[in-house]
């Protein structure tokens, strides 16, 4: 059984996907920050943080297996969000 509690360093392809996830989550965060301060906005921001965490964990734990079957997935996603620089993953 895989150890789900051990940190893993992402490979190059996974690092690109982590950057895409981070950029996308930051865009959604900017949108949510425009909403009036309320319990609902707070919940949306909390769920966004949770979504980011799970998406990044899915990338590092399962993306390499799926990407071998479809290697064009990461470059296509990266191209869709390019232009904002290459920030490091969280």
PDB file of N, CA and C in Angstrom:
ATOM      1  N   UNK A   1       0.845  -1.188   0.000  1.00  0.00           N
ATOM      2  CA  UNK A   1       0.000   0.000   0.000  1.00  0.00           C
ATOM      3  C   UNK A   1       0.884   1.242   0.000  1.00  0.00           C
ATOM      4  N   UNK A   2       0.470   2.228  -0.753  1.00  0.00           N
ATOM      5  CA  UNK A   2       1.197   3.484  -0.820  1.00  0.00           C
ATOM      6  C   UNK A   2       1.098   4.251   0.490  1.00  0.00           C
ATOM      7  N   UNK A   3       2.170   4.911   0.854  1.00  0.00           N
ATOM      8  CA  UNK A   3       2.151   5.739   2.048  1.00  0.00           C
ATOM      9  C   UNK A   3       1.575   7.103   1.694  1.00  0.00           C
ATOM     10  N   UNK A   4       0.352   7.358   2.117  1.00  0.00           N
ATOM     11  CA  UNK A   4      -0.337   8.602   1.784  1.00  0.00           C
ATOM     12  C   UNK A   4       0.068   9.769   2.667  1.00  0.00           C
ATOM     13  N   UNK A   5       0.966   9.535   3.614  1.00  0.00           N
ATOM     14  CA  UNK A   5       1.337  10.578   4.558  1.00  0.00           C
ATOM     15  C   UNK A   5       2.776  11.045   4.387  1.00  0.00           C
ATOM     16  N   UNK A   6       3.420  10.602   3.316  1.00  0.00           N
ATOM     17  CA  UNK A   6       4.793  10.980   3.040  1.00  0.00           C
ATOM     18  C   UNK A   6       4.821  12.063   1.976  1.00  0.00           C
ATOM     19  N   UNK A   7       5.597  13.113   2.215  1.00  0.00           N
ATOM     20  CA  UNK A   7       5.753  14.153   1.206  1.00  0.00           C
ATOM     21  C   UNK A   7       6.481  13.591  -0.008  1.00  0.00           C
ATOM     22  N   UNK A   8       6.120  14.096  -1.179  1.00  0.00           N
ATOM     23  CA  UNK A   8       6.756  13.660  -2.409  1.00  0.00           C
ATOM     24  C   UNK A   8       7.163  14.884  -3.211  1.00  0.00           C
ATOM     25  N   UNK A   9       8.346  14.831  -3.746  1.00  0.00           N
ATOM     26  CA  UNK A   9       8.789  15.908  -4.630  1.00  0.00           C
ATOM     27  C   UNK A   9       8.161  15.667  -6.002  1.00  0.00           C
ATOM     28  N   UNK A  10       7.545  16.697  -6.582  1.00  0.00           N
ATOM     29  CA  UNK A  10       6.923  16.512  -7.898  1.00  0.00           C
ATOM     30  C   UNK A  10       7.979  16.401  -8.990  1.00  0.00           C
ATOM     31  N   UNK A  11       7.657  15.602 -10.031  1.00  0.00           N
ATOM     32  CA  UNK A  11       8.528  15.579 -11.202  1.00  0.00           C
ATOM     33  C   UNK A  11       8.233  16.831 -12.027  1.00  0.00           C
ATOM     34  N   UNK A  12       8.918  17.000 -13.121  1.00  0.00           N
ATOM     35  CA  UNK A  12       8.775  18.220 -13.926  1.00  0.00           C
ATOM     36  C   UNK A  12       7.354  18.415 -14.425  1.00  0.00           C
ATOM     37  N   UNK A  13       6.751  17.366 -14.924  1.00  0.00           N
ATOM     38  CA  UNK A  13       5.378  17.458 -15.444  1.00  0.00           C
ATOM     39  C   UNK A  13       4.392  17.797 -14.332  1.00  0.00           C
ATOM     40  N   UNK A  14       4.562  17.180 -13.180  1.00  0.00           N
ATOM     41  CA  UNK A  14       3.687  17.470 -12.046  1.00  0.00           C
ATOM     42  C   UNK A  14       3.881  18.901 -11.559  1.00  0.00           C
ATOM     43  N   UNK A  15       5.112  19.386 -11.563  1.00  0.00           N
ATOM     44  CA  UNK A  15       5.380  20.761 -11.139  1.00  0.00           C
ATOM     45  C   UNK A  15       4.656  21.752 -12.049  1.00  0.00           C
ATOM     46  N   UNK A  16       4.617  21.466 -13.348  1.00  0.00           N
ATOM     47  CA  UNK A  16       3.881  22.324 -14.276  1.00  0.00           C
ATOM     48  C   UNK A  16       2.393  22.330 -13.941  1.00  0.00           C
ATOM     49  N   UNK A  17       1.852  21.158 -13.644  1.00  0.00           N
ATOM     50  CA  UNK A  17       0.437  21.066 -13.295  1.00  0.00           C
ATOM     51  C   UNK A  17       0.158  21.782 -11.976  1.00  0.00           C
ATOM     52  N   UNK A  18       1.064  21.688 -11.013  1.00  0.00           N
ATOM     53  CA  UNK A  18       0.889  22.403  -9.746  1.00  0.00           C
ATOM     54  C   UNK A  18       0.854  23.912  -9.984  1.00  0.00           C
ATOM     55  N   UNK A  19       1.688  24.388 -10.898  1.00  0.00           N
ATOM     56  CA  UNK A  19       1.663  25.813 -11.241  1.00  0.00           C
ATOM     57  C   UNK A  19       0.321  26.209 -11.852  1.00  0.00           C
ATOM     58  N   UNK A  20      -0.222  25.368 -12.716  1.00  0.00           N
ATOM     59  CA  UNK A  20      -1.519  25.643 -13.347  1.00  0.00           C
ATOM     60  C   UNK A  20      -2.617  25.700 -12.280  1.00  0.00           C
ATOM     61  N   UNK A  21      -2.592  24.749 -11.366  1.00  0.00           N
ATOM     62  CA  UNK A  21      -3.583  24.731 -10.283  1.00  0.00           C
ATOM     63  C   UNK A  21      -3.478  25.993  -9.441  1.00  0.00           C
ATOM     64  N   UNK A  22      -2.262  26.375  -9.073  1.00  0.00           N
ATOM     65  CA  UNK A  22      -2.052  27.576  -8.260  1.00  0.00           C
ATOM     66  C   UNK A  22      -2.566  28.819  -8.973  1.00  0.00           C
ATOM     67  N   UNK A  23      -2.218  28.976 -10.250  1.00  0.00           N
ATOM     68  CA  UNK A  23      -2.667  30.142 -11.013  1.00  0.00           C
ATOM     69  C   UNK A  23      -4.193  30.188 -11.108  1.00  0.00           C
ATOM     70  N   UNK A  24      -4.805  29.044 -11.316  1.00  0.00           N
ATOM     71  CA  UNK A  24      -6.259  28.979 -11.425  1.00  0.00           C
ATOM     72  C   UNK A  24      -6.924  29.326 -10.097  1.00  0.00           C
ATOM     73  N   UNK A  25      -6.399  28.782  -9.009  1.00  0.00           N
ATOM     74  CA  UNK A  25      -6.967  29.067  -7.694  1.00  0.00           C
ATOM     75  C   UNK A  25      -6.806  30.542  -7.330  1.00  0.00           C
ATOM     76  N   UNK A  26      -5.678  31.138  -7.705  1.00  0.00           N
ATOM     77  CA  UNK A  26      -5.485  32.569  -7.441  1.00  0.00           C
ATOM     78  C   UNK A  26      -6.490  33.408  -8.213  1.00  0.00           C
ATOM     79  N   UNK A  27      -6.815  33.000  -9.426  1.00  0.00           N
ATOM     80  CA  UNK A  27      -7.821  33.720 -10.219  1.00  0.00           C
ATOM     81  C   UNK A  27      -9.196  33.650  -9.563  1.00  0.00           C
ATOM     82  N   UNK A  28      -9.554  32.473  -9.078  1.00  0.00           N
ATOM     83  CA  UNK A  28     -10.843  32.316  -8.406  1.00  0.00           C
ATOM     84  C   UNK A  28     -10.848  33.103  -7.099  1.00  0.00           C
ATOM     85  N   UNK A  29      -9.723  33.081  -6.380  1.00  0.00           N
ATOM     86  CA  UNK A  29      -9.615  33.854  -5.137  1.00  0.00           C
ATOM     87  C   UNK A  29      -9.853  35.339  -5.398  1.00  0.00           C
ATOM     88  N   UNK A  30      -9.263  35.876  -6.470  1.00  0.00           N
ATOM     89  CA  UNK A  30      -9.472  37.284  -6.817  1.00  0.00           C
ATOM     90  C   UNK A  30     -10.954  37.580  -7.024  1.00  0.00           C
ATOM     91  N   UNK A  31     -11.637  36.679  -7.682  1.00  0.00           N
ATOM     92  CA  UNK A  31     -13.074  36.849  -7.908  1.00  0.00           C
ATOM     93  C   UNK A  31     -13.848  36.815  -6.591  1.00  0.00           C
ATOM     94  N   UNK A  32     -13.536  35.843  -5.750  1.00  0.00           N
ATOM     95  CA  UNK A  32     -14.251  35.720  -4.473  1.00  0.00           C
ATOM     96  C   UNK A  32     -13.986  36.909  -3.556  1.00  0.00           C
ATOM     97  N   UNK A  33     -12.802  37.493  -3.627  1.00  0.00           N
ATOM     98  CA  UNK A  33     -12.470  38.640  -2.780  1.00  0.00           C
ATOM     99  C   UNK A  33     -13.324  39.862  -3.122  1.00  0.00           C
ATOM    100  N   UNK A  34     -13.918  39.879  -4.296  1.00  0.00           N
ATOM    101  CA  UNK A  34     -14.786  40.992  -4.705  1.00  0.00           C
ATOM    102  C   UNK A  34     -16.177  40.912  -4.079  1.00  0.00           C
ATOM    103  N   UNK A  35     -16.530  39.749  -3.558  1.00  0.00           N
ATOM    104  CA  UNK A  35     -17.846  39.586  -2.922  1.00  0.00           C
ATOM    105  C   UNK A  35     -17.876  40.311  -1.580  1.00  0.00           C
ATOM    106  N   UNK A  36     -19.075  40.710  -1.141  1.00  0.00           N
ATOM    107  CA  UNK A  36     -19.171  41.344   0.178  1.00  0.00           C
ATOM    108  C   UNK A  36     -18.690  40.381   1.270  1.00  0.00           C
ATOM    109  N   UNK A  37     -18.045  40.932   2.265  1.00  0.00           N
ATOM    110  CA  UNK A  37     -17.568  40.116   3.372  1.00  0.00           C
ATOM    111  C   UNK A  37     -18.770  39.486   4.074  1.00  0.00           C
ATOM    112  N   UNK A  38     -18.776  38.169   4.107  1.00  0.00           N
ATOM    113  CA  UNK A  38     -19.897  37.453   4.722  1.00  0.00           C
ATOM    114  C   UNK A  38     -19.465  36.035   5.070  1.00  0.00           C
ATOM    115  N   UNK A  39     -20.313  35.373   5.787  1.00  0.00           N
ATOM    116  CA  UNK A  39     -20.073  33.972   6.115  1.00  0.00           C
ATOM    117  C   UNK A  39     -19.974  33.155   4.840  1.00  0.00           C
ATOM    118  N   UNK A  40     -20.798  33.476   3.847  1.00  0.00           N
ATOM    119  CA  UNK A  40     -20.815  32.718   2.597  1.00  0.00           C
ATOM    120  C   UNK A  40     -19.496  32.866   1.840  1.00  0.00           C
ATOM    121  N   UNK A  41     -18.966  34.092   1.819  1.00  0.00           N
ATOM    122  CA  UNK A  41     -17.670  34.304   1.170  1.00  0.00           C
ATOM    123  C   UNK A  41     -16.583  33.549   1.921  1.00  0.00           C
ATOM    124  N   UNK A  42     -16.627  33.594   3.235  1.00  0.00           N
ATOM    125  CA  UNK A  42     -15.643  32.870   4.041  1.00  0.00           C
ATOM    126  C   UNK A  42     -15.684  31.373   3.755  1.00  0.00           C
ATOM    127  N   UNK A  43     -16.889  30.834   3.658  1.00  0.00           N
ATOM    128  CA  UNK A  43     -17.029  29.414   3.341  1.00  0.00           C
ATOM    129  C   UNK A  43     -16.489  29.104   1.944  1.00  0.00           C
ATOM    130  N   UNK A  44     -16.777  29.982   0.984  1.00  0.00           N
ATOM    131  CA  UNK A  44     -16.283  29.782  -0.380  1.00  0.00           C
ATOM    132  C   UNK A  44     -14.753  29.800  -0.405  1.00  0.00           C
ATOM    133  N   UNK A  45     -14.135  30.714   0.339  1.00  0.00           N
ATOM    134  CA  UNK A  45     -12.672  30.779   0.391  1.00  0.00           C
ATOM    135  C   UNK A  45     -12.080  29.547   1.063  1.00  0.00           C
ATOM    136  N   UNK A  46     -12.741  29.069   2.108  1.00  0.00           N
ATOM    137  CA  UNK A  46     -12.278  27.861   2.784  1.00  0.00           C
ATOM    138  C   UNK A  46     -12.359  26.658   1.847  1.00  0.00           C
ATOM    139  N   UNK A  47     -13.456  26.548   1.109  1.00  0.00           N
ATOM    140  CA  UNK A  47     -13.616  25.433   0.169  1.00  0.00           C
ATOM    141  C   UNK A  47     -12.625  25.533  -0.989  1.00  0.00           C
ATOM    142  N   UNK A  48     -12.306  26.759  -1.396  1.00  0.00           N
ATOM    143  CA  UNK A  48     -11.307  26.945  -2.444  1.00  0.00           C
ATOM    144  C   UNK A  48      -9.943  26.453  -1.959  1.00  0.00           C
ATOM    145  N   UNK A  49      -9.600  26.784  -0.725  1.00  0.00           N
ATOM    146  CA  UNK A  49      -8.352  26.311  -0.140  1.00  0.00           C
ATOM    147  C   UNK A  49      -8.328  24.784  -0.082  1.00  0.00           C
ATOM    148  N   UNK A  50      -9.455  24.206   0.316  1.00  0.00           N
ATOM    149  CA  UNK A  50      -9.565  22.752   0.377  1.00  0.00           C
ATOM    150  C   UNK A  50      -9.441  22.146  -1.025  1.00  0.00           C
ATOM    151  N   UNK A  51     -10.096  22.748  -1.989  1.00  0.00           N
ATOM    152  CA  UNK A  51     -10.026  22.284  -3.371  1.00  0.00           C
ATOM    153  C   UNK A  51      -8.587  22.309  -3.880  1.00  0.00           C
ATOM    154  N   UNK A  52      -7.882  23.385  -3.587  1.00  0.00           N
ATOM    155  CA  UNK A  52      -6.487  23.512  -3.996  1.00  0.00           C
ATOM    156  C   UNK A  52      -5.645  22.391  -3.391  1.00  0.00           C
ATOM    157  N   UNK A  53      -5.839  22.137  -2.119  1.00  0.00           N
ATOM    158  CA  UNK A  53      -5.081  21.090  -1.438  1.00  0.00           C
ATOM    159  C   UNK A  53      -5.312  19.731  -2.081  1.00  0.00           C
ATOM    160  N   UNK A  54      -6.579  19.373  -2.309  1.00  0.00           N
ATOM    161  CA  UNK A  54      -6.888  18.067  -2.878  1.00  0.00           C
ATOM    162  C   UNK A  54      -6.416  17.948  -4.322  1.00  0.00           C
ATOM    163  N   UNK A  55      -6.539  19.023  -5.086  1.00  0.00           N
ATOM    164  CA  UNK A  55      -6.081  18.989  -6.478  1.00  0.00           C
ATOM    165  C   UNK A  55      -4.567  18.791  -6.539  1.00  0.00           C
ATOM    166  N   UNK A  56      -3.851  19.454  -5.650  1.00  0.00           N
ATOM    167  CA  UNK A  56      -2.398  19.304  -5.637  1.00  0.00           C
ATOM    168  C   UNK A  56      -1.987  17.920  -5.150  1.00  0.00           C
ATOM    169  N   UNK A  57      -2.689  17.396  -4.181  1.00  0.00           N
ATOM    170  CA  UNK A  57      -2.384  16.042  -3.717  1.00  0.00           C
ATOM    171  C   UNK A  57      -2.680  15.040  -4.829  1.00  0.00           C
ATOM    172  N   UNK A  58      -3.779  15.220  -5.529  1.00  0.00           N
ATOM    173  CA  UNK A  58      -4.099  14.329  -6.648  1.00  0.00           C
ATOM    174  C   UNK A  58      -3.032  14.405  -7.728  1.00  0.00           C
ATOM    175  N   UNK A  59      -2.484  15.583  -7.936  1.00  0.00           N
ATOM    176  CA  UNK A  59      -1.435  15.745  -8.944  1.00  0.00           C
ATOM    177  C   UNK A  59      -0.193  14.949  -8.571  1.00  0.00           C
ATOM    178  N   UNK A  60       0.261  15.091  -7.363  1.00  0.00           N
ATOM    179  CA  UNK A  60       1.507  14.443  -6.954  1.00  0.00           C
ATOM    180  C   UNK A  60       1.341  12.944  -6.765  1.00  0.00           C
ATOM    181  N   UNK A  61       0.169  12.505  -6.304  1.00  0.00           N
ATOM    182  CA  UNK A  61      -0.017  11.090  -6.034  1.00  0.00           C
ATOM    183  C   UNK A  61      -0.511  10.291  -7.232  1.00  0.00           C
ATOM    184  N   UNK A  62      -1.241  10.905  -8.166  1.00  0.00           N
ATOM    185  CA  UNK A  62      -1.836  10.117  -9.246  1.00  0.00           C
ATOM    186  C   UNK A  62      -1.571  10.642 -10.640  1.00  0.00           C
ATOM    187  N   UNK A  63      -1.099  11.874 -10.779  1.00  0.00           N
ATOM    188  CA  UNK A  63      -0.978  12.479 -12.105  1.00  0.00           C
ATOM    189  C   UNK A  63       0.019  11.754 -12.985  1.00  0.00           C
ATOM    190  N   UNK A  64       1.125  11.273 -12.425  1.00  0.00           N
ATOM    191  CA  UNK A  64       2.138  10.591 -13.226  1.00  0.00           C
ATOM    192  C   UNK A  64       1.574   9.334 -13.875  1.00  0.00           C
ATOM    193  N   UNK A  65       0.747   8.602 -13.167  1.00  0.00           N
ATOM    194  CA  UNK A  65       0.169   7.382 -13.709  1.00  0.00           C
ATOM    195  C   UNK A  65      -0.760   7.706 -14.864  1.00  0.00           C
ATOM    196  N   UNK A  66      -1.643   8.688 -14.678  1.00  0.00           N
ATOM    197  CA  UNK A  66      -2.588   9.051 -15.732  1.00  0.00           C
ATOM    198  C   UNK A  66      -1.899   9.753 -16.889  1.00  0.00           C
ATOM    199  N   UNK A  67      -0.864  10.546 -16.595  1.00  0.00           N
ATOM    200  CA  UNK A  67      -0.221  11.304 -17.659  1.00  0.00           C
ATOM    201  C   UNK A  67       0.551  10.408 -18.608  1.00  0.00           C
ATOM    202  N   UNK A  68       0.975   9.228 -18.159  1.00  0.00           N
ATOM    203  CA  UNK A  68       1.650   8.304 -19.058  1.00  0.00           C
ATOM    204  C   UNK A  68       0.699   7.840 -20.147  1.00  0.00           C
ATOM    205  N   UNK A  69      -0.581   7.737 -19.817  1.00  0.00           N
ATOM    206  CA  UNK A  69      -1.575   7.340 -20.804  1.00  0.00           C
ATOM    207  C   UNK A  69      -1.960   8.507 -21.700  1.00  0.00           C
ATOM    208  N   UNK A  70      -1.878   9.732 -21.190  1.00  0.00           N
ATOM    209  CA  UNK A  70      -2.243  10.923 -21.965  1.00  0.00           C
ATOM    210  C   UNK A  70      -1.224  12.023 -21.720  1.00  0.00           C
ATOM    211  N   UNK A  71      -0.035  11.931 -22.343  1.00  0.00           N
ATOM    212  CA  UNK A  71       1.026  12.880 -22.047  1.00  0.00           C
ATOM    213  C   UNK A  71       0.747  14.318 -22.465  1.00  0.00           C
ATOM    214  N   UNK A  72      -0.233  14.570 -23.314  1.00  0.00           N
ATOM    215  CA  UNK A  72      -0.500  15.935 -23.772  1.00  0.00           C
ATOM    216  C   UNK A  72      -1.343  16.731 -22.776  1.00  0.00           C
ATOM    217  N   UNK A  73      -1.803  16.133 -21.703  1.00  0.00           N
ATOM    218  CA  UNK A  73      -2.704  16.817 -20.771  1.00  0.00           C
ATOM    219  C   UNK A  73      -2.053  18.014 -20.097  1.00  0.00           C
ATOM    220  N   UNK A  74      -0.859  17.868 -19.552  1.00  0.00           N
ATOM    221  CA  UNK A  74      -0.222  18.979 -18.841  1.00  0.00           C
ATOM    222  C   UNK A  74       0.137  20.140 -19.761  1.00  0.00           C
ATOM    223  N   UNK A  75       0.779  19.906 -20.912  1.00  0.00           N
ATOM    224  CA  UNK A  75       1.088  21.044 -21.774  1.00  0.00           C
ATOM    225  C   UNK A  75      -0.149  21.808 -22.228  1.00  0.00           C
ATOM    226  N   UNK A  76      -1.230  21.117 -22.517  1.00  0.00           N
ATOM    227  CA  UNK A  76      -2.453  21.796 -22.940  1.00  0.00           C
ATOM    228  C   UNK A  76      -2.992  22.670 -21.814  1.00  0.00           C
ATOM    229  N   UNK A  77      -2.978  22.158 -20.598  1.00  0.00           N
ATOM    230  CA  UNK A  77      -3.461  22.929 -19.453  1.00  0.00           C
ATOM    231  C   UNK A  77      -2.546  24.112 -19.185  1.00  0.00           C
ATOM    232  N   UNK A  78      -1.247  23.918 -19.341  1.00  0.00           N
ATOM    233  CA  UNK A  78      -0.303  24.993 -19.109  1.00  0.00           C
ATOM    234  C   UNK A  78      -0.484  26.105 -20.127  1.00  0.00           C
ATOM    235  N   UNK A  79      -0.687  25.756 -21.379  1.00  0.00           N
ATOM    236  CA  UNK A  79      -0.901  26.754 -22.422  1.00  0.00           C
ATOM    237  C   UNK A  79      -2.158  27.567 -22.155  1.00  0.00           C
ATOM    238  N   UNK A  80      -3.167  26.945 -21.592  1.00  0.00           N
ATOM    239  CA  UNK A  80      -4.440  27.627 -21.347  1.00  0.00           C
ATOM    240  C   UNK A  80      -4.306  28.729 -20.313  1.00  0.00           C
ATOM    241  N   UNK A  81      -3.329  28.605 -19.417  1.00  0.00           N
ATOM    242  CA  UNK A  81      -3.205  29.597 -18.353  1.00  0.00           C
ATOM    243  C   UNK A  81      -1.886  30.340 -18.410  1.00  0.00           C
ATOM    244  N   UNK A  82      -1.131  30.182 -19.476  1.00  0.00           N
ATOM    245  CA  UNK A  82       0.185  30.831 -19.543  1.00  0.00           C
ATOM    246  C   UNK A  82       0.039  32.340 -19.670  1.00  0.00           C
ATOM    247  N   UNK A  83       1.125  33.015 -19.366  1.00  0.00           N
ATOM    248  CA  UNK A  83       1.132  34.457 -19.483  1.00  0.00           C
ATOM    249  C   UNK A  83       1.246  35.175 -18.155  1.00  0.00           C
ATOM    250  N   UNK A  84       1.107  34.456 -17.056  1.00  0.00           N
ATOM    251  CA  UNK A  84       1.196  35.112 -15.754  1.00  0.00           C
ATOM    252  C   UNK A  84       2.500  34.809 -15.056  1.00  0.00           C
ATOM    253  N   UNK A  85       3.446  34.246 -15.766  1.00  0.00           N
ATOM    254  CA  UNK A  85       4.747  33.972 -15.157  1.00  0.00           C
ATOM    255  C   UNK A  85       4.782  32.594 -14.557  1.00  0.00           C
ATOM    256  N   UNK A  86       5.953  32.168 -14.185  1.00  0.00           N
ATOM    257  CA  UNK A  86       6.128  30.826 -13.639  1.00  0.00           C
ATOM    258  C   UNK A  86       6.338  30.848 -12.155  1.00  0.00           C
ATOM    259  N   UNK A  87       5.291  31.004 -11.405  1.00  0.00           N
ATOM    260  CA  UNK A  87       5.394  30.998  -9.957  1.00  0.00           C
ATOM    261  C   UNK A  87       5.659  29.607  -9.439  1.00  0.00           C
ATOM    262  N   UNK A  88       6.151  29.512  -8.235  1.00  0.00           N
ATOM    263  CA  UNK A  88       6.414  28.209  -7.657  1.00  0.00           C
ATOM    264  C   UNK A  88       5.150  27.668  -7.019  1.00  0.00           C
ATOM    265  N   UNK A  89       4.998  26.333  -7.009  1.00  0.00           N
ATOM    266  CA  UNK A  89       3.798  25.741  -6.400  1.00  0.00           C
ATOM    267  C   UNK A  89       3.808  25.921  -4.898  1.00  0.00           C
ATOM    268  N   UNK A  90       2.628  25.954  -4.321  1.00  0.00           N
ATOM    269  CA  UNK A  90       2.500  26.104  -2.875  1.00  0.00           C
ATOM    270  C   UNK A  90       2.857  24.826  -2.193  1.00  0.00           C
TER     271      UNK A  90
END
